[in-house]
């Protein structure tokens, strides 16, 4: 019987405590994860009815996308916009 994902997570955490290699390997990620939230919250927030219509962004990003027929996968640069978008209040009950 497969181990439920949450149990796998706890087992990995337990192994990491006793295995110096695993602990060293994953330690840098902990710092990154802990700094991610505060770095995101300090970015400007855009809001309004047209906030998700980003024609300039799409026009710049779209030409960088490539299709690989051998794999059937579209590939392009990982690009994380340096801004936040406020979800309209009409969706507050969904999130």
N, C-alpha and C. Protein backbone atom coordinates (compact mmCIF):
# COMPACT_ATOMS: atom_id res chain seq x y z
N UNK A 1 0.84 -1.18 0.00
CA UNK A 1 0.00 0.00 0.00
C UNK A 1 0.89 1.25 0.00
N UNK A 2 0.63 2.23 -0.91
CA UNK A 2 1.46 3.43 -0.96
C UNK A 2 1.32 4.26 0.31
N UNK A 3 2.38 4.96 0.66
CA UNK A 3 2.37 5.83 1.83
C UNK A 3 1.69 7.14 1.44
N UNK A 4 0.71 7.61 2.22
CA UNK A 4 0.08 8.90 1.90
C UNK A 4 1.13 10.00 1.85
N UNK A 5 0.94 11.01 0.99
CA UNK A 5 1.95 12.06 0.82
C UNK A 5 2.37 12.73 2.11
N UNK A 6 1.44 12.98 3.03
CA UNK A 6 1.82 13.66 4.27
C UNK A 6 2.76 12.78 5.08
N UNK A 7 2.55 11.47 5.08
CA UNK A 7 3.45 10.58 5.81
C UNK A 7 4.82 10.57 5.17
N UNK A 8 4.87 10.61 3.82
CA UNK A 8 6.17 10.66 3.13
C UNK A 8 6.92 11.91 3.53
N UNK A 9 6.20 13.02 3.65
CA UNK A 9 6.83 14.27 4.04
C UNK A 9 7.45 14.15 5.43
N UNK A 10 6.69 13.59 6.36
CA UNK A 10 7.21 13.44 7.72
C UNK A 10 8.39 12.46 7.75
N UNK A 11 8.31 11.39 6.96
CA UNK A 11 9.42 10.44 6.92
C UNK A 11 10.67 11.11 6.36
N UNK A 12 10.51 11.92 5.31
CA UNK A 12 11.66 12.63 4.75
C UNK A 12 12.26 13.58 5.78
N UNK A 13 11.40 14.27 6.53
CA UNK A 13 11.88 15.18 7.56
C UNK A 13 12.65 14.42 8.63
N UNK A 14 12.16 13.25 9.01
CA UNK A 14 12.86 12.44 10.01
C UNK A 14 14.21 11.97 9.51
N UNK A 15 14.29 11.55 8.25
CA UNK A 15 15.56 11.11 7.67
C UNK A 15 16.53 12.28 7.63
N UNK A 16 16.01 13.45 7.27
CA UNK A 16 16.86 14.64 7.19
C UNK A 16 17.51 15.01 8.51
N UNK A 17 16.84 14.71 9.61
CA UNK A 17 17.39 15.02 10.92
C UNK A 17 18.62 14.17 11.22
N UNK A 18 18.62 12.94 10.73
CA UNK A 18 19.72 12.03 11.06
C UNK A 18 20.76 11.92 9.95
N UNK A 19 20.47 12.41 8.76
CA UNK A 19 21.39 12.29 7.63
C UNK A 19 22.00 13.67 7.34
N UNK A 20 23.27 13.84 7.67
CA UNK A 20 23.93 15.14 7.51
C UNK A 20 23.92 15.62 6.06
N UNK A 21 24.09 14.69 5.11
CA UNK A 21 24.09 15.07 3.70
C UNK A 21 22.75 15.67 3.30
N UNK A 22 21.65 15.01 3.66
CA UNK A 22 20.33 15.53 3.34
C UNK A 22 20.07 16.86 4.04
N UNK A 23 20.47 16.94 5.28
CA UNK A 23 20.25 18.17 6.04
C UNK A 23 20.99 19.33 5.38
N UNK A 24 22.25 19.11 4.99
CA UNK A 24 23.03 20.16 4.33
C UNK A 24 22.45 20.51 2.96
N UNK A 25 21.99 19.50 2.24
CA UNK A 25 21.45 19.71 0.90
C UNK A 25 20.20 20.57 0.93
N UNK A 26 19.32 20.35 1.89
CA UNK A 26 18.05 21.06 1.93
C UNK A 26 18.07 22.34 2.77
N UNK A 27 19.12 22.58 3.52
CA UNK A 27 19.16 23.74 4.40
C UNK A 27 19.01 25.05 3.64
N UNK A 28 19.67 25.17 2.48
CA UNK A 28 19.59 26.42 1.72
C UNK A 28 18.15 26.71 1.30
N UNK A 29 17.36 25.66 1.02
CA UNK A 29 15.98 25.86 0.60
C UNK A 29 15.14 26.45 1.73
N UNK A 30 15.42 26.07 2.94
CA UNK A 30 14.65 26.59 4.07
C UNK A 30 14.78 28.11 4.15
N UNK A 31 16.00 28.62 3.99
CA UNK A 31 16.20 30.06 4.00
C UNK A 31 15.46 30.75 2.87
N UNK A 32 15.49 30.13 1.69
CA UNK A 32 14.79 30.69 0.54
C UNK A 32 13.29 30.73 0.80
N UNK A 33 12.75 29.65 1.32
CA UNK A 33 11.31 29.58 1.60
C UNK A 33 10.93 30.63 2.65
N UNK A 34 11.74 30.75 3.69
CA UNK A 34 11.43 31.71 4.75
C UNK A 34 11.51 33.16 4.26
N UNK A 35 12.36 33.44 3.28
CA UNK A 35 12.49 34.81 2.78
C UNK A 35 11.49 35.12 1.67
N UNK A 36 10.86 34.10 1.09
CA UNK A 36 9.98 34.31 -0.06
C UNK A 36 8.78 35.19 0.28
N UNK A 37 8.07 34.86 1.34
CA UNK A 37 6.88 35.62 1.71
C UNK A 37 7.17 37.10 1.91
N UNK A 38 8.10 37.44 2.80
CA UNK A 38 8.40 38.86 2.99
C UNK A 38 8.86 39.57 1.72
N UNK A 39 9.58 38.87 0.85
CA UNK A 39 10.02 39.52 -0.39
C UNK A 39 8.83 39.77 -1.32
N UNK A 40 7.86 38.87 -1.32
CA UNK A 40 6.66 39.07 -2.16
C UNK A 40 5.79 40.18 -1.61
N UNK A 41 5.62 40.24 -0.31
CA UNK A 41 4.70 41.21 0.28
C UNK A 41 5.21 42.64 0.11
N UNK A 42 6.50 42.80 -0.12
CA UNK A 42 7.04 44.16 -0.29
C UNK A 42 6.88 44.68 -1.72
N UNK A 43 6.43 43.84 -2.65
CA UNK A 43 6.25 44.27 -4.04
C UNK A 43 4.98 45.10 -4.19
N UNK A 44 4.93 45.95 -5.22
CA UNK A 44 3.71 46.72 -5.45
C UNK A 44 2.54 45.80 -5.80
N UNK A 45 1.33 46.24 -5.46
CA UNK A 45 0.12 45.48 -5.75
C UNK A 45 -0.72 46.26 -6.75
N UNK A 46 -1.08 45.58 -7.84
CA UNK A 46 -1.95 46.17 -8.85
C UNK A 46 -3.37 45.68 -8.60
N UNK A 47 -4.33 46.53 -8.87
CA UNK A 47 -5.71 46.11 -8.72
C UNK A 47 -6.59 46.86 -9.71
N UNK A 48 -7.77 46.34 -9.91
CA UNK A 48 -8.72 46.95 -10.83
C UNK A 48 -9.26 45.93 -11.80
N UNK A 49 -10.28 46.29 -12.55
CA UNK A 49 -10.94 45.32 -13.42
C UNK A 49 -10.08 44.81 -14.57
N UNK A 50 -9.08 45.55 -14.99
CA UNK A 50 -8.25 45.14 -16.13
C UNK A 50 -6.85 44.68 -15.73
N UNK A 51 -6.65 44.41 -14.46
CA UNK A 51 -5.31 44.10 -13.96
C UNK A 51 -4.70 42.85 -14.59
N UNK A 52 -5.53 41.90 -15.00
CA UNK A 52 -4.99 40.67 -15.59
C UNK A 52 -4.78 40.75 -17.10
N UNK A 53 -5.16 41.85 -17.70
CA UNK A 53 -4.92 42.05 -19.13
C UNK A 53 -3.57 42.74 -19.27
N UNK A 54 -2.53 41.95 -19.55
CA UNK A 54 -1.17 42.46 -19.58
C UNK A 54 -0.59 42.30 -20.97
N UNK A 55 -1.09 43.05 -21.92
CA UNK A 55 -0.67 42.91 -23.31
C UNK A 55 0.82 43.14 -23.51
N UNK A 56 1.42 44.10 -22.81
CA UNK A 56 2.86 44.35 -22.95
C UNK A 56 3.66 43.15 -22.47
N UNK A 57 3.27 42.59 -21.34
CA UNK A 57 3.97 41.42 -20.79
C UNK A 57 3.86 40.23 -21.75
N UNK A 58 2.67 39.97 -22.25
CA UNK A 58 2.44 38.84 -23.17
C UNK A 58 3.21 39.05 -24.46
N UNK A 59 3.21 40.27 -24.99
CA UNK A 59 3.94 40.55 -26.23
C UNK A 59 5.43 40.30 -26.07
N UNK A 60 5.98 40.54 -24.90
CA UNK A 60 7.39 40.30 -24.64
C UNK A 60 7.67 38.82 -24.39
N UNK A 61 6.78 38.13 -23.68
CA UNK A 61 7.00 36.74 -23.27
C UNK A 61 6.70 35.73 -24.38
N UNK A 62 5.63 35.94 -25.13
CA UNK A 62 5.17 34.97 -26.11
C UNK A 62 6.23 34.56 -27.15
N UNK A 63 7.02 35.47 -27.69
CA UNK A 63 8.03 35.05 -28.68
C UNK A 63 9.12 34.14 -28.11
N UNK A 64 9.24 34.09 -26.80
CA UNK A 64 10.28 33.26 -26.17
C UNK A 64 9.84 31.81 -25.99
N UNK A 65 8.58 31.51 -26.24
CA UNK A 65 8.06 30.16 -26.08
C UNK A 65 8.37 29.33 -27.31
N UNK A 66 8.84 28.11 -27.09
CA UNK A 66 9.18 27.20 -28.18
C UNK A 66 8.49 25.85 -27.95
N UNK A 67 8.03 25.23 -29.04
CA UNK A 67 7.42 23.91 -28.98
C UNK A 67 8.45 22.87 -29.39
N UNK A 68 8.57 21.82 -28.61
CA UNK A 68 9.49 20.73 -28.91
C UNK A 68 8.66 19.54 -29.38
N UNK A 69 8.65 19.27 -30.71
CA UNK A 69 7.80 18.18 -31.23
C UNK A 69 8.12 16.81 -30.64
N UNK A 70 9.40 16.56 -30.34
CA UNK A 70 9.79 15.25 -29.80
C UNK A 70 9.13 14.95 -28.46
N UNK A 71 8.94 15.98 -27.67
CA UNK A 71 8.36 15.77 -26.34
C UNK A 71 6.91 16.24 -26.27
N UNK A 72 6.49 17.07 -27.23
CA UNK A 72 5.15 17.63 -27.19
C UNK A 72 4.99 18.70 -26.12
N UNK A 73 6.11 19.29 -25.71
CA UNK A 73 6.10 20.27 -24.62
C UNK A 73 6.46 21.65 -25.14
N UNK A 74 5.73 22.65 -24.63
CA UNK A 74 6.10 24.04 -24.87
C UNK A 74 7.09 24.43 -23.79
N UNK A 75 8.13 25.14 -24.17
CA UNK A 75 9.16 25.51 -23.22
C UNK A 75 9.48 26.99 -23.38
N UNK A 76 9.86 27.61 -22.32
CA UNK A 76 10.24 29.01 -22.35
C UNK A 76 10.89 29.38 -21.04
N UNK A 77 11.29 30.62 -20.93
CA UNK A 77 11.97 31.04 -19.70
C UNK A 77 11.00 31.08 -18.53
N UNK A 78 11.53 30.77 -17.37
CA UNK A 78 10.74 30.94 -16.15
C UNK A 78 10.80 32.42 -15.84
N UNK A 79 9.65 33.03 -15.72
CA UNK A 79 9.61 34.46 -15.50
C UNK A 79 8.60 34.77 -14.41
N UNK A 80 9.07 35.34 -13.35
CA UNK A 80 8.19 35.68 -12.25
C UNK A 80 8.09 37.21 -12.20
N UNK A 81 6.89 37.70 -12.45
CA UNK A 81 6.71 39.14 -12.44
C UNK A 81 6.96 39.69 -11.04
N UNK A 82 7.53 40.84 -11.00
CA UNK A 82 7.86 41.48 -9.72
C UNK A 82 6.72 42.40 -9.29
N UNK A 83 5.54 41.80 -9.14
CA UNK A 83 4.36 42.54 -8.69
C UNK A 83 3.35 41.56 -8.15
N UNK A 84 2.41 42.05 -7.41
CA UNK A 84 1.30 41.25 -6.92
C UNK A 84 0.03 41.75 -7.57
N UNK A 85 -0.97 40.89 -7.62
CA UNK A 85 -2.27 41.27 -8.18
C UNK A 85 -3.32 41.01 -7.10
N UNK A 86 -4.10 42.03 -6.79
CA UNK A 86 -5.17 41.88 -5.81
C UNK A 86 -6.35 41.19 -6.49
N UNK A 87 -6.78 40.10 -5.90
CA UNK A 87 -7.94 39.38 -6.42
C UNK A 87 -9.18 40.20 -6.09
N UNK A 88 -10.04 40.46 -7.07
CA UNK A 88 -11.24 41.27 -6.81
C UNK A 88 -12.09 40.69 -5.68
N UNK A 89 -12.70 41.59 -4.91
CA UNK A 89 -13.52 41.18 -3.76
C UNK A 89 -14.64 40.21 -4.14
N UNK A 90 -15.11 40.28 -5.38
CA UNK A 90 -16.21 39.39 -5.75
C UNK A 90 -15.80 37.92 -5.73
N UNK A 91 -14.50 37.64 -5.68
CA UNK A 91 -14.01 36.26 -5.62
C UNK A 91 -13.57 35.86 -4.21
N UNK A 92 -13.77 36.72 -3.20
CA UNK A 92 -13.25 36.44 -1.87
C UNK A 92 -13.78 35.17 -1.24
N UNK A 93 -14.99 34.75 -1.61
CA UNK A 93 -15.54 33.52 -1.03
C UNK A 93 -14.96 32.26 -1.67
N UNK A 94 -14.29 32.41 -2.79
CA UNK A 94 -13.69 31.26 -3.47
C UNK A 94 -12.32 30.94 -2.87
N UNK A 95 -11.60 31.96 -2.45
CA UNK A 95 -10.24 31.76 -1.96
C UNK A 95 -10.19 31.84 -0.46
